[in-house]
Amino acid sequence: MTEPESGVRLWSEAGGSGGPLLLLLHGLGANATVWRGIAAIAASRWRGRWLAPDLRGHGRSGHRRPYAFGTHAADLAGLLDPGDEVIVLGHSMGGAVGMTLASGWFGCACAMSSPLASSSSGARATSRGRATLPGRRRAGLRRAMRRSSATSASPASRA
């Protein structure tokens, strides 16, 4: 458990090393266990760290009001190191919390992978000049994993 500046203890699972950080945010009524399958893939294919927290009021984290998107985003910002490059994969409410985190109000450089991050024209929302992952969750994550693996491999090993 980690206690951000808000004073609410957040439980999380984490793995990997280096960057970027893949932040896995669950939806309303769920907790970090919904990401176990993705976390297993990230453990073997993601070039950086990954973090799957239980948001305030969910699962094994502390329960204290308020439960607003901004409150959740502030809690998460307290878990991040300054300068972290963060890729957010959010489901439902987790996507909204991720978009709030990426707003620039919380000092995070985030890219989003969420249905909320794409418009019907295919344009992607960006935060602080960062490109986002495609809005199609599974396909977008698979492409990101392949890119992550490819960029971390040496040119000789890709030949």
C-alpha atoms as a PDB file:
ATOM      1  CA  MET A   1       0.000   0.000   0.000  1.00  0.00           C
ATOM      2  CA  THR A   2       1.127   3.506  -0.788  1.00  0.00           C
ATOM      3  CA  GLU A   3      -0.132   6.650   0.875  1.00  0.00           C
ATOM      4  CA  PRO A   4      -0.215   9.643  -1.465  1.00  0.00           C
ATOM      5  CA  GLU A   5      -0.340  13.209  -0.149  1.00  0.00           C
ATOM      6  CA  SER A   6      -4.135  12.939   0.130  1.00  0.00           C
ATOM      7  CA  GLY A   7      -3.707  10.650   3.124  1.00  0.00           C
ATOM      8  CA  VAL A   8      -5.777   7.823   1.618  1.00  0.00           C
ATOM      9  CA  ARG A   9      -3.853   4.577   1.348  1.00  0.00           C
ATOM     10  CA  LEU A  10      -3.917   3.144  -2.175  1.00  0.00           C
ATOM     11  CA  TRP A  11      -3.241  -0.542  -2.740  1.00  0.00           C
ATOM     12  CA  SER A  12      -1.535  -1.442  -6.010  1.00  0.00           C
ATOM     13  CA  GLU A  13       0.193  -4.182  -7.938  1.00  0.00           C
ATOM     14  CA  ALA A  14       3.285  -3.237  -9.893  1.00  0.00           C
ATOM     15  CA  GLY A  15       6.044  -4.753 -11.968  1.00  0.00           C
ATOM     16  CA  GLY A  16       8.762  -4.086 -14.489  1.00  0.00           C
ATOM     17  CA  SER A  17      11.468  -1.453 -14.427  1.00  0.00           C
ATOM     18  CA  GLY A  18      12.404   1.721 -16.250  1.00  0.00           C
ATOM     19  CA  GLY A  19       9.999   3.674 -18.396  1.00  0.00           C
ATOM     20  CA  PRO A  20       7.500   4.386 -19.636  1.00  0.00           C
ATOM     21  CA  LEU A  21       4.992   3.575 -16.901  1.00  0.00           C
ATOM     22  CA  LEU A  22       1.821   1.760 -17.997  1.00  0.00           C
ATOM     23  CA  LEU A  23      -0.927   2.869 -15.596  1.00  0.00           C
ATOM     24  CA  LEU A  24      -3.884   0.449 -15.567  1.00  0.00           C
ATOM     25  CA  LEU A  25      -7.064   2.055 -14.199  1.00  0.00           C
ATOM     26  CA  HIS A  26     -10.159  -0.024 -13.436  1.00  0.00           C
ATOM     27  CA  GLY A  27     -13.779   1.041 -13.806  1.00  0.00           C
ATOM     28  CA  LEU A  28     -16.481   1.789 -11.239  1.00  0.00           C
ATOM     29  CA  GLY A  29     -17.294  -1.151  -8.994  1.00  0.00           C
ATOM     30  CA  ALA A  30     -14.098  -3.001  -9.931  1.00  0.00           C
ATOM     31  CA  ASN A  31     -10.528  -3.103  -8.633  1.00  0.00           C
ATOM     32  CA  ALA A  32      -7.021  -3.789  -9.908  1.00  0.00           C
ATOM     33  CA  THR A  33      -7.632  -7.543 -10.185  1.00  0.00           C
ATOM     34  CA  VAL A  34      -9.466  -6.928 -13.488  1.00  0.00           C
ATOM     35  CA  TRP A  35      -6.032  -6.186 -14.991  1.00  0.00           C
ATOM     36  CA  ARG A  36      -4.313  -9.457 -13.990  1.00  0.00           C
ATOM     37  CA  GLY A  37      -4.416 -10.832 -17.546  1.00  0.00           C
ATOM     38  CA  ILE A  38      -2.993  -7.622 -19.008  1.00  0.00           C
ATOM     39  CA  ALA A  39      -0.447  -7.398 -16.174  1.00  0.00           C
ATOM     40  CA  ALA A  40       0.818 -10.889 -17.082  1.00  0.00           C
ATOM     41  CA  ILE A  41       1.306  -9.738 -20.693  1.00  0.00           C
ATOM     42  CA  ALA A  42       2.910  -6.481 -19.555  1.00  0.00           C
ATOM     43  CA  ALA A  43       5.327  -8.405 -17.329  1.00  0.00           C
ATOM     44  CA  SER A  44       6.777 -10.157 -20.369  1.00  0.00           C
ATOM     45  CA  ARG A  45       6.264  -7.636 -23.173  1.00  0.00           C
ATOM     46  CA  TRP A  46       6.197  -4.082 -21.782  1.00  0.00           C
ATOM     47  CA  ARG A  47       9.599  -2.380 -21.838  1.00  0.00           C
ATOM     48  CA  GLY A  48       8.949  -0.283 -18.728  1.00  0.00           C
ATOM     49  CA  ARG A  49       7.066  -0.441 -15.449  1.00  0.00           C
ATOM     50  CA  TRP A  50       3.370  -1.077 -14.960  1.00  0.00           C
ATOM     51  CA  LEU A  51       1.101  -0.114 -12.084  1.00  0.00           C
ATOM     52  CA  ALA A  52      -2.470  -1.282 -11.352  1.00  0.00           C
ATOM     53  CA  PRO A  53      -3.888   0.530  -8.304  1.00  0.00           C
ATOM     54  CA  ASP A  54      -7.211   0.097  -6.552  1.00  0.00           C
ATOM     55  CA  LEU A  55      -8.716   3.577  -6.742  1.00  0.00           C
ATOM     56  CA  ARG A  56      -9.929   5.314  -3.571  1.00  0.00           C
ATOM     57  CA  GLY A  57     -13.060   3.606  -2.277  1.00  0.00           C
ATOM     58  CA  HIS A  58     -12.413   0.412  -4.253  1.00  0.00           C
ATOM     59  CA  GLY A  59     -10.957  -2.961  -3.343  1.00  0.00           C
ATOM     60  CA  ARG A  60      -8.116  -2.856  -0.853  1.00  0.00           C
ATOM     61  CA  SER A  61      -7.596   0.917  -0.931  1.00  0.00           C
ATOM     62  CA  GLY A  62      -8.827   3.329   1.705  1.00  0.00           C
ATOM     63  CA  HIS A  63     -12.410   4.526   1.665  1.00  0.00           C
ATOM     64  CA  ARG A  64     -12.790   8.262   2.243  1.00  0.00           C
ATOM     65  CA  ARG A  65     -14.863  10.858   0.431  1.00  0.00           C
ATOM     66  CA  PRO A  66     -14.834  12.635  -1.962  1.00  0.00           C
ATOM     67  CA  TYR A  67     -14.872  10.209  -4.899  1.00  0.00           C
ATOM     68  CA  ALA A  68     -14.629  12.722  -7.765  1.00  0.00           C
ATOM     69  CA  PHE A  69     -12.513  12.188 -10.902  1.00  0.00           C
ATOM     70  CA  GLY A  70     -10.195  14.990  -9.779  1.00  0.00           C
ATOM     71  CA  THR A  71      -9.742  13.398  -6.357  1.00  0.00           C
ATOM     72  CA  HIS A  72      -8.847  10.056  -7.944  1.00  0.00           C
ATOM     73  CA  ALA A  73      -6.427  11.816 -10.334  1.00  0.00           C
ATOM     74  CA  ALA A  74      -4.767  13.667  -7.437  1.00  0.00           C
ATOM     75  CA  ASP A  75      -4.378  10.373  -5.559  1.00  0.00           C
ATOM     76  CA  LEU A  76      -2.704   8.814  -8.604  1.00  0.00           C
ATOM     77  CA  ALA A  77      -0.433  11.811  -9.198  1.00  0.00           C
ATOM     78  CA  GLY A  78       0.842  11.257  -5.651  1.00  0.00           C
ATOM     79  CA  LEU A  79       2.008   7.773  -6.690  1.00  0.00           C
ATOM     80  CA  LEU A  80       4.011   8.988  -9.689  1.00  0.00           C
ATOM     81  CA  ASP A  81       7.579  10.205  -9.768  1.00  0.00           C
ATOM     82  CA  PRO A  82       8.254  13.626 -11.304  1.00  0.00           C
ATOM     83  CA  GLY A  83       9.273  13.180 -14.912  1.00  0.00           C
ATOM     84  CA  ASP A  84       7.547   9.811 -15.334  1.00  0.00           C
ATOM     85  CA  GLU A  85       6.281   9.265 -18.864  1.00  0.00           C
ATOM     86  CA  VAL A  86       2.887   7.671 -18.253  1.00  0.00           C
ATOM     87  CA  ILE A  87       0.742   5.657 -20.640  1.00  0.00           C
ATOM     88  CA  VAL A  88      -2.785   5.324 -19.233  1.00  0.00           C
ATOM     89  CA  LEU A  89      -5.019   2.394 -20.084  1.00  0.00           C
ATOM     90  CA  GLY A  90      -8.381   3.041 -18.468  1.00  0.00           C
ATOM     91  CA  HIS A  91     -11.636   1.126 -18.504  1.00  0.00           C
ATOM     92  CA  SER A  92     -14.858   3.121 -18.193  1.00  0.00           C
ATOM     93  CA  MET A  93     -14.500   5.316 -15.076  1.00  0.00           C
ATOM     94  CA  GLY A  94     -10.753   4.576 -15.158  1.00  0.00           C
ATOM     95  CA  GLY A  95     -10.618   6.195 -18.611  1.00  0.00           C
ATOM     96  CA  ALA A  96     -12.295   9.321 -17.259  1.00  0.00           C
ATOM     97  CA  VAL A  97      -9.897   9.408 -14.295  1.00  0.00           C
ATOM     98  CA  GLY A  98      -6.986   8.964 -16.723  1.00  0.00           C
ATOM     99  CA  MET A  99      -8.204  11.846 -18.900  1.00  0.00           C
ATOM    100  CA  THR A 100      -8.441  13.989 -15.766  1.00  0.00           C
ATOM    101  CA  LEU A 101      -4.907  12.965 -14.780  1.00  0.00           C
ATOM    102  CA  ALA A 102      -3.701  13.881 -18.286  1.00  0.00           C
ATOM    103  CA  SER A 103      -5.345  17.332 -18.138  1.00  0.00           C
ATOM    104  CA  GLY A 104      -2.106  18.983 -17.080  1.00  0.00           C
ATOM    105  CA  TRP A 105      -3.459  20.031 -13.674  1.00  0.00           C
ATOM    106  CA  PHE A 106      -1.592  17.262 -11.880  1.00  0.00           C
ATOM    107  CA  GLY A 107       1.915  17.664 -13.325  1.00  0.00           C
ATOM    108  CA  CYS A 108       1.869  14.407 -15.310  1.00  0.00           C
ATOM    109  CA  ALA A 109       2.903  13.799 -18.907  1.00  0.00           C
ATOM    110  CA  CYS A 110       0.326  11.191 -19.914  1.00  0.00           C
ATOM    111  CA  ALA A 111      -0.765   9.471 -23.094  1.00  0.00           C
ATOM    112  CA  MET A 112      -4.150   7.782 -23.132  1.00  0.00           C
ATOM    113  CA  SER A 113      -5.462   4.500 -24.446  1.00  0.00           C
ATOM    114  CA  SER A 114      -9.207   4.629 -23.944  1.00  0.00           C
ATOM    115  CA  PRO A 115     -12.378   4.854 -26.008  1.00  0.00           C
ATOM    116  CA  LEU A 116     -12.618   8.400 -24.618  1.00  0.00           C
ATOM    117  CA  ALA A 117      -9.304   9.271 -26.271  1.00  0.00           C
ATOM    118  CA  SER A 118     -10.550   8.886 -29.871  1.00  0.00           C
ATOM    119  CA  SER A 119     -13.042  10.899 -31.812  1.00  0.00           C
ATOM    120  CA  SER A 120     -15.305   9.414 -34.480  1.00  0.00           C
ATOM    121  CA  SER A 121     -12.992  10.899 -37.124  1.00  0.00           C
ATOM    122  CA  GLY A 122     -10.083   8.869 -35.780  1.00  0.00           C
ATOM    123  CA  ALA A 123      -8.291  11.889 -34.308  1.00  0.00           C
ATOM    124  CA  ARG A 124      -6.615  11.169 -30.993  1.00  0.00           C
ATOM    125  CA  ALA A 125      -6.679  13.365 -27.906  1.00  0.00           C
ATOM    126  CA  THR A 126      -3.250  14.413 -26.739  1.00  0.00           C
ATOM    127  CA  SER A 127      -1.927  15.793 -23.509  1.00  0.00           C
ATOM    128  CA  ARG A 128       1.120  18.038 -23.333  1.00  0.00           C
ATOM    129  CA  GLY A 129       2.199  17.208 -26.875  1.00  0.00           C
ATOM    130  CA  ARG A 130       2.334  13.440 -26.360  1.00  0.00           C
ATOM    131  CA  ALA A 131       0.878  11.123 -28.968  1.00  0.00           C
ATOM    132  CA  THR A 132      -1.733   8.708 -27.725  1.00  0.00           C
ATOM    133  CA  LEU A 133      -2.201   5.018 -28.252  1.00  0.00           C
ATOM    134  CA  PRO A 134      -5.055   3.987 -30.567  1.00  0.00           C
ATOM    135  CA  GLY A 135      -8.485   4.023 -28.923  1.00  0.00           C
ATOM    136  CA  ARG A 136      -9.219   0.370 -29.645  1.00  0.00           C
ATOM    137  CA  ARG A 137      -8.181  -1.073 -26.311  1.00  0.00           C
ATOM    138  CA  ARG A 138      -6.933  -4.588 -27.078  1.00  0.00           C
ATOM    139  CA  ALA A 139      -5.533  -3.900 -30.539  1.00  0.00           C
ATOM    140  CA  GLY A 140      -3.977  -0.647 -29.326  1.00  0.00           C
ATOM    141  CA  LEU A 141      -2.344  -2.331 -26.349  1.00  0.00           C
ATOM    142  CA  ARG A 142      -1.003  -5.164 -28.516  1.00  0.00           C
ATOM    143  CA  ARG A 143       0.527  -2.624 -30.924  1.00  0.00           C
ATOM    144  CA  ALA A 144       2.024  -0.701 -28.002  1.00  0.00           C
ATOM    145  CA  MET A 145       3.496  -3.924 -26.603  1.00  0.00           C
ATOM    146  CA  ARG A 146       5.022  -4.774 -29.992  1.00  0.00           C
ATOM    147  CA  ARG A 147       6.471  -1.258 -30.294  1.00  0.00           C
ATOM    148  CA  SER A 148       7.756  -1.452 -26.748  1.00  0.00           C
ATOM    149  CA  SER A 149       9.460  -4.790 -27.455  1.00  0.00           C
ATOM    150  CA  ALA A 150      10.856  -3.587 -30.783  1.00  0.00           C
ATOM    151  CA  THR A 151      12.311  -0.354 -29.428  1.00  0.00           C
ATOM    152  CA  SER A 152      13.938  -2.101 -26.491  1.00  0.00           C
ATOM    153  CA  ALA A 153      15.551  -4.760 -28.712  1.00  0.00           C
ATOM    154  CA  SER A 154      18.915  -4.104 -30.308  1.00  0.00           C
ATOM    155  CA  PRO A 155      19.023  -3.614 -34.095  1.00  0.00           C
ATOM    156  CA  ALA A 156      20.931  -6.894 -34.425  1.00  0.00           C
ATOM    157  CA  SER A 157      18.210  -8.851 -32.630  1.00  0.00           C
ATOM    158  CA  ARG A 158      15.512  -7.408 -34.916  1.00  0.00           C
ATOM    159  CA  ALA A 159      17.270  -8.490 -38.118  1.00  0.00           C
END
